[in-house]
């Protein structure tokens, strides 16, 4: 289970980081790529906190 979660986190991080780095546009700054990366990271941290608090067996 830990390897599956680690693989999912790595895959999501890789996909979000490529989107953040490839997002080059003309005009004013567009932060949509890095914003998605930040939201994904925050969601993973909050999801782990919920798992650790409510679903982890001691």
PDB file of N, CA and C in Angstrom:
ATOM      1  N   UNK A   1       0.818  -1.188   0.000  1.00  0.00           N
ATOM      2  CA  UNK A   1       0.000   0.000   0.000  1.00  0.00           C
ATOM      3  C   UNK A   1       0.867   1.260   0.000  1.00  0.00           C
ATOM      4  N   UNK A   2       1.968   1.235   0.759  1.00  0.00           N
ATOM      5  CA  UNK A   2       2.847   2.397   0.813  1.00  0.00           C
ATOM      6  C   UNK A   2       3.501   2.667  -0.532  1.00  0.00           C
ATOM      7  N   UNK A   3       3.865   1.594  -1.263  1.00  0.00           N
ATOM      8  CA  UNK A   3       4.473   1.784  -2.575  1.00  0.00           C
ATOM      9  C   UNK A   3       3.468   2.363  -3.560  1.00  0.00           C
ATOM     10  N   UNK A   4       2.209   1.955  -3.438  1.00  0.00           N
ATOM     11  CA  UNK A   4       1.163   2.490  -4.307  1.00  0.00           C
ATOM     12  C   UNK A   4       0.961   3.980  -4.048  1.00  0.00           C
ATOM     13  N   UNK A   5       0.898   4.360  -2.790  1.00  0.00           N
ATOM     14  CA  UNK A   5       0.717   5.771  -2.446  1.00  0.00           C
ATOM     15  C   UNK A   5       1.925   6.587  -2.890  1.00  0.00           C
ATOM     16  N   UNK A   6       3.119   6.061  -2.685  1.00  0.00           N
ATOM     17  CA  UNK A   6       4.327   6.769  -3.114  1.00  0.00           C
ATOM     18  C   UNK A   6       4.357   6.923  -4.627  1.00  0.00           C
ATOM     19  N   UNK A   7       3.944   5.897  -5.350  1.00  0.00           N
ATOM     20  CA  UNK A   7       3.892   5.984  -6.804  1.00  0.00           C
ATOM     21  C   UNK A   7       2.877   6.999  -7.284  1.00  0.00           C
ATOM     22  N   UNK A   8       1.713   7.031  -6.637  1.00  0.00           N
ATOM     23  CA  UNK A   8       0.692   8.012  -7.010  1.00  0.00           C
ATOM     24  C   UNK A   8       1.163   9.439  -6.740  1.00  0.00           C
ATOM     25  N   UNK A   9       1.780   9.654  -5.599  1.00  0.00           N
ATOM     26  CA  UNK A   9       2.282  10.988  -5.270  1.00  0.00           C
ATOM     27  C   UNK A   9       3.357  11.415  -6.263  1.00  0.00           C
ATOM     28  N   UNK A  10       4.259  10.514  -6.598  1.00  0.00           N
ATOM     29  CA  UNK A  10       5.312  10.829  -7.557  1.00  0.00           C
ATOM     30  C   UNK A  10       4.730  11.135  -8.930  1.00  0.00           C
ATOM     31  N   UNK A  11       3.772  10.322  -9.368  1.00  0.00           N
ATOM     32  CA  UNK A  11       3.152  10.547 -10.672  1.00  0.00           C
ATOM     33  C   UNK A  11       2.403  11.860 -10.747  1.00  0.00           C
ATOM     34  N   UNK A  12       1.618  12.156  -9.722  1.00  0.00           N
ATOM     35  CA  UNK A  12       0.876  13.419  -9.707  1.00  0.00           C
ATOM     36  C   UNK A  12       1.840  14.599  -9.659  1.00  0.00           C
ATOM     37  N   UNK A  13       2.870  14.489  -8.851  1.00  0.00           N
ATOM     38  CA  UNK A  13       3.856  15.564  -8.782  1.00  0.00           C
ATOM     39  C   UNK A  13       4.577  15.780 -10.098  1.00  0.00           C
ATOM     40  N   UNK A  14       4.915  14.688 -10.782  1.00  0.00           N
ATOM     41  CA  UNK A  14       5.594  14.813 -12.074  1.00  0.00           C
ATOM     42  C   UNK A  14       4.688  15.459 -13.112  1.00  0.00           C
ATOM     43  N   UNK A  15       3.430  15.050 -13.146  1.00  0.00           N
ATOM     44  CA  UNK A  15       2.501  15.637 -14.115  1.00  0.00           C
ATOM     45  C   UNK A  15       2.235  17.111 -13.824  1.00  0.00           C
ATOM     46  N   UNK A  16       2.077  17.460 -12.570  1.00  0.00           N
ATOM     47  CA  UNK A  16       1.815  18.852 -12.226  1.00  0.00           C
ATOM     48  C   UNK A  16       3.048  19.726 -12.461  1.00  0.00           C
ATOM     49  N   UNK A  17       4.228  19.199 -12.198  1.00  0.00           N
ATOM     50  CA  UNK A  17       5.424  20.013 -12.389  1.00  0.00           C
ATOM     51  C   UNK A  17       5.702  20.260 -13.864  1.00  0.00           C
ATOM     52  N   UNK A  18       5.431  19.281 -14.725  1.00  0.00           N
ATOM     53  CA  UNK A  18       5.621  19.526 -16.155  1.00  0.00           C
ATOM     54  C   UNK A  18       4.650  20.582 -16.645  1.00  0.00           C
ATOM     55  N   UNK A  19       3.434  20.573 -16.132  1.00  0.00           N
ATOM     56  CA  UNK A  19       2.463  21.593 -16.505  1.00  0.00           C
ATOM     57  C   UNK A  19       2.913  22.968 -16.019  1.00  0.00           C
ATOM     58  N   UNK A  20       3.479  23.036 -14.830  1.00  0.00           N
ATOM     59  CA  UNK A  20       3.915  24.314 -14.270  1.00  0.00           C
ATOM     60  C   UNK A  20       5.105  24.874 -15.039  1.00  0.00           C
ATOM     61  N   UNK A  21       6.041  24.027 -15.424  1.00  0.00           N
ATOM     62  CA  UNK A  21       7.231  24.508 -16.111  1.00  0.00           C
ATOM     63  C   UNK A  21       6.984  24.792 -17.587  1.00  0.00           C
ATOM     64  N   UNK A  22       6.026  24.117 -18.197  1.00  0.00           N
ATOM     65  CA  UNK A  22       5.758  24.308 -19.617  1.00  0.00           C
ATOM     66  C   UNK A  22       4.792  25.449 -19.875  1.00  0.00           C
ATOM     67  N   UNK A  23       4.246  26.039 -18.842  1.00  0.00           N
ATOM     68  CA  UNK A  23       3.234  27.072 -18.999  1.00  0.00           C
ATOM     69  C   UNK A  23       3.906  28.422 -19.241  1.00  0.00           C
ATOM     70  N   UNK A  24       4.242  28.704 -20.501  1.00  0.00           N
ATOM     71  CA  UNK A  24       4.853  29.969 -20.874  1.00  0.00           C
ATOM     72  C   UNK A  24       3.852  30.708 -21.745  1.00  0.00           C
ATOM     73  N   UNK A  25       3.512  31.908 -21.344  1.00  0.00           N
ATOM     74  CA  UNK A  25       2.534  32.668 -22.112  1.00  0.00           C
ATOM     75  C   UNK A  25       3.023  34.091 -22.306  1.00  0.00           C
ATOM     76  N   UNK A  26       2.412  34.749 -23.254  1.00  0.00           N
ATOM     77  CA  UNK A  26       2.732  36.150 -23.512  1.00  0.00           C
ATOM     78  C   UNK A  26       1.848  37.027 -22.639  1.00  0.00           C
ATOM     79  N   UNK A  27       2.329  38.213 -22.350  1.00  0.00           N
ATOM     80  CA  UNK A  27       1.517  39.145 -21.587  1.00  0.00           C
ATOM     81  C   UNK A  27       1.776  39.044 -20.095  1.00  0.00           C
ATOM     82  N   UNK A  28       0.749  39.360 -19.317  1.00  0.00           N
ATOM     83  CA  UNK A  28       0.928  39.341 -17.859  1.00  0.00           C
ATOM     84  C   UNK A  28       1.171  37.928 -17.346  1.00  0.00           C
ATOM     85  N   UNK A  29       1.769  37.797 -16.179  1.00  0.00           N
ATOM     86  CA  UNK A  29       2.080  36.465 -15.649  1.00  0.00           C
ATOM     87  C   UNK A  29       0.827  35.612 -15.459  1.00  0.00           C
ATOM     88  N   UNK A  30       0.961  34.351 -15.808  1.00  0.00           N
ATOM     89  CA  UNK A  30      -0.127  33.391 -15.647  1.00  0.00           C
ATOM     90  C   UNK A  30       0.366  32.308 -14.698  1.00  0.00           C
ATOM     91  N   UNK A  31      -0.253  32.212 -13.550  1.00  0.00           N
ATOM     92  CA  UNK A  31       0.208  31.303 -12.510  1.00  0.00           C
ATOM     93  C   UNK A  31      -0.619  30.030 -12.432  1.00  0.00           C
ATOM     94  N   UNK A  32      -1.320  29.663 -13.491  1.00  0.00           N
ATOM     95  CA  UNK A  32      -2.219  28.509 -13.427  1.00  0.00           C
ATOM     96  C   UNK A  32      -1.452  27.200 -13.230  1.00  0.00           C
ATOM     97  N   UNK A  33      -0.283  27.055 -13.810  1.00  0.00           N
ATOM     98  CA  UNK A  33       0.473  25.814 -13.662  1.00  0.00           C
ATOM     99  C   UNK A  33       0.973  25.597 -12.247  1.00  0.00           C
ATOM    100  N   UNK A  34       1.619  26.599 -11.695  1.00  0.00           N
ATOM    101  CA  UNK A  34       2.171  26.465 -10.349  1.00  0.00           C
ATOM    102  C   UNK A  34       1.060  26.447  -9.307  1.00  0.00           C
ATOM    103  N   UNK A  35      -0.061  27.106  -9.611  1.00  0.00           N
ATOM    104  CA  UNK A  35      -1.200  27.071  -8.694  1.00  0.00           C
ATOM    105  C   UNK A  35      -1.745  25.655  -8.580  1.00  0.00           C
ATOM    106  N   UNK A  36      -1.839  24.954  -9.698  1.00  0.00           N
ATOM    107  CA  UNK A  36      -2.287  23.559  -9.666  1.00  0.00           C
ATOM    108  C   UNK A  36      -1.348  22.686  -8.867  1.00  0.00           C
ATOM    109  N   UNK A  37      -0.052  22.938  -8.996  1.00  0.00           N
ATOM    110  CA  UNK A  37       0.941  22.183  -8.223  1.00  0.00           C
ATOM    111  C   UNK A  37       0.780  22.441  -6.727  1.00  0.00           C
ATOM    112  N   UNK A  38       0.587  23.703  -6.353  1.00  0.00           N
ATOM    113  CA  UNK A  38       0.397  24.029  -4.937  1.00  0.00           C
ATOM    114  C   UNK A  38      -0.879  23.405  -4.384  1.00  0.00           C
ATOM    115  N   UNK A  39      -1.985  23.501  -5.139  1.00  0.00           N
ATOM    116  CA  UNK A  39      -3.243  22.920  -4.671  1.00  0.00           C
ATOM    117  C   UNK A  39      -3.133  21.405  -4.531  1.00  0.00           C
ATOM    118  N   UNK A  40      -2.422  20.759  -5.450  1.00  0.00           N
ATOM    119  CA  UNK A  40      -2.233  19.314  -5.351  1.00  0.00           C
ATOM    120  C   UNK A  40      -1.414  18.959  -4.113  1.00  0.00           C
ATOM    121  N   UNK A  41      -0.363  19.701  -3.861  1.00  0.00           N
ATOM    122  CA  UNK A  41       0.472  19.453  -2.684  1.00  0.00           C
ATOM    123  C   UNK A  41      -0.318  19.658  -1.392  1.00  0.00           C
ATOM    124  N   UNK A  42      -1.098  20.728  -1.328  1.00  0.00           N
ATOM    125  CA  UNK A  42      -1.914  20.988  -0.140  1.00  0.00           C
ATOM    126  C   UNK A  42      -2.945  19.883   0.052  1.00  0.00           C
ATOM    127  N   UNK A  43      -3.580  19.437  -1.041  1.00  0.00           N
ATOM    128  CA  UNK A  43      -4.583  18.368  -0.947  1.00  0.00           C
ATOM    129  C   UNK A  43      -3.953  17.070  -0.454  1.00  0.00           C
ATOM    130  N   UNK A  44      -2.739  16.755  -0.911  1.00  0.00           N
ATOM    131  CA  UNK A  44      -2.064  15.544  -0.449  1.00  0.00           C
ATOM    132  C   UNK A  44      -1.730  15.624   1.038  1.00  0.00           C
ATOM    133  N   UNK A  45      -1.263  16.771   1.485  1.00  0.00           N
ATOM    134  CA  UNK A  45      -0.929  16.931   2.901  1.00  0.00           C
ATOM    135  C   UNK A  45      -2.179  16.828   3.762  1.00  0.00           C
ATOM    136  N   UNK A  46      -3.263  17.485   3.347  1.00  0.00           N
ATOM    137  CA  UNK A  46      -4.507  17.408   4.114  1.00  0.00           C
ATOM    138  C   UNK A  46      -5.090  16.002   4.089  1.00  0.00           C
ATOM    139  N   UNK A  47      -5.007  15.336   2.937  1.00  0.00           N
ATOM    140  CA  UNK A  47      -5.495  13.963   2.844  1.00  0.00           C
ATOM    141  C   UNK A  47      -4.719  13.027   3.748  1.00  0.00           C
ATOM    142  N   UNK A  48      -3.405  13.197   3.820  1.00  0.00           N
ATOM    143  CA  UNK A  48      -2.608  12.374   4.722  1.00  0.00           C
ATOM    144  C   UNK A  48      -2.973  12.649   6.176  1.00  0.00           C
ATOM    145  N   UNK A  49      -3.239  13.906   6.506  1.00  0.00           N
ATOM    146  CA  UNK A  49      -3.639  14.237   7.871  1.00  0.00           C
ATOM    147  C   UNK A  49      -4.956  13.582   8.258  1.00  0.00           C
ATOM    148  N   UNK A  50      -5.918  13.574   7.337  1.00  0.00           N
ATOM    149  CA  UNK A  50      -7.202  12.920   7.601  1.00  0.00           C
ATOM    150  C   UNK A  50      -6.997  11.422   7.750  1.00  0.00           C
ATOM    151  N   UNK A  51      -6.187  10.825   6.875  1.00  0.00           N
ATOM    152  CA  UNK A  51      -5.901   9.391   6.981  1.00  0.00           C
ATOM    153  C   UNK A  51      -5.228   9.071   8.310  1.00  0.00           C
ATOM    154  N   UNK A  52      -4.239   9.864   8.672  1.00  0.00           N
ATOM    155  CA  UNK A  52      -3.490   9.611   9.902  1.00  0.00           C
ATOM    156  C   UNK A  52      -4.372   9.781  11.137  1.00  0.00           C
ATOM    157  N   UNK A  53      -5.304  10.720  11.084  1.00  0.00           N
ATOM    158  CA  UNK A  53      -6.161  10.989  12.236  1.00  0.00           C
ATOM    159  C   UNK A  53      -7.281   9.969  12.386  1.00  0.00           C
ATOM    160  N   UNK A  54      -7.952   9.624  11.294  1.00  0.00           N
ATOM    161  CA  UNK A  54      -9.178   8.844  11.403  1.00  0.00           C
ATOM    162  C   UNK A  54      -9.064   7.391  10.952  1.00  0.00           C
ATOM    163  N   UNK A  55      -8.216   7.084   9.986  1.00  0.00           N
ATOM    164  CA  UNK A  55      -8.247   5.761   9.378  1.00  0.00           C
ATOM    165  C   UNK A  55      -7.056   4.875   9.712  1.00  0.00           C
ATOM    166  N   UNK A  56      -5.990   5.412  10.262  1.00  0.00           N
ATOM    167  CA  UNK A  56      -4.800   4.625  10.567  1.00  0.00           C
ATOM    168  C   UNK A  56      -5.054   3.763  11.796  1.00  0.00           C
ATOM    169  N   UNK A  57      -4.725   2.505  11.669  1.00  0.00           N
ATOM    170  CA  UNK A  57      -4.888   1.585  12.792  1.00  0.00           C
ATOM    171  C   UNK A  57      -3.612   1.610  13.633  1.00  0.00           C
ATOM    172  N   UNK A  58      -3.749   1.827  14.917  1.00  0.00           N
ATOM    173  CA  UNK A  58      -2.586   1.935  15.808  1.00  0.00           C
ATOM    174  C   UNK A  58      -2.021   0.580  16.126  1.00  0.00           C
TER     175      UNK A  58
END
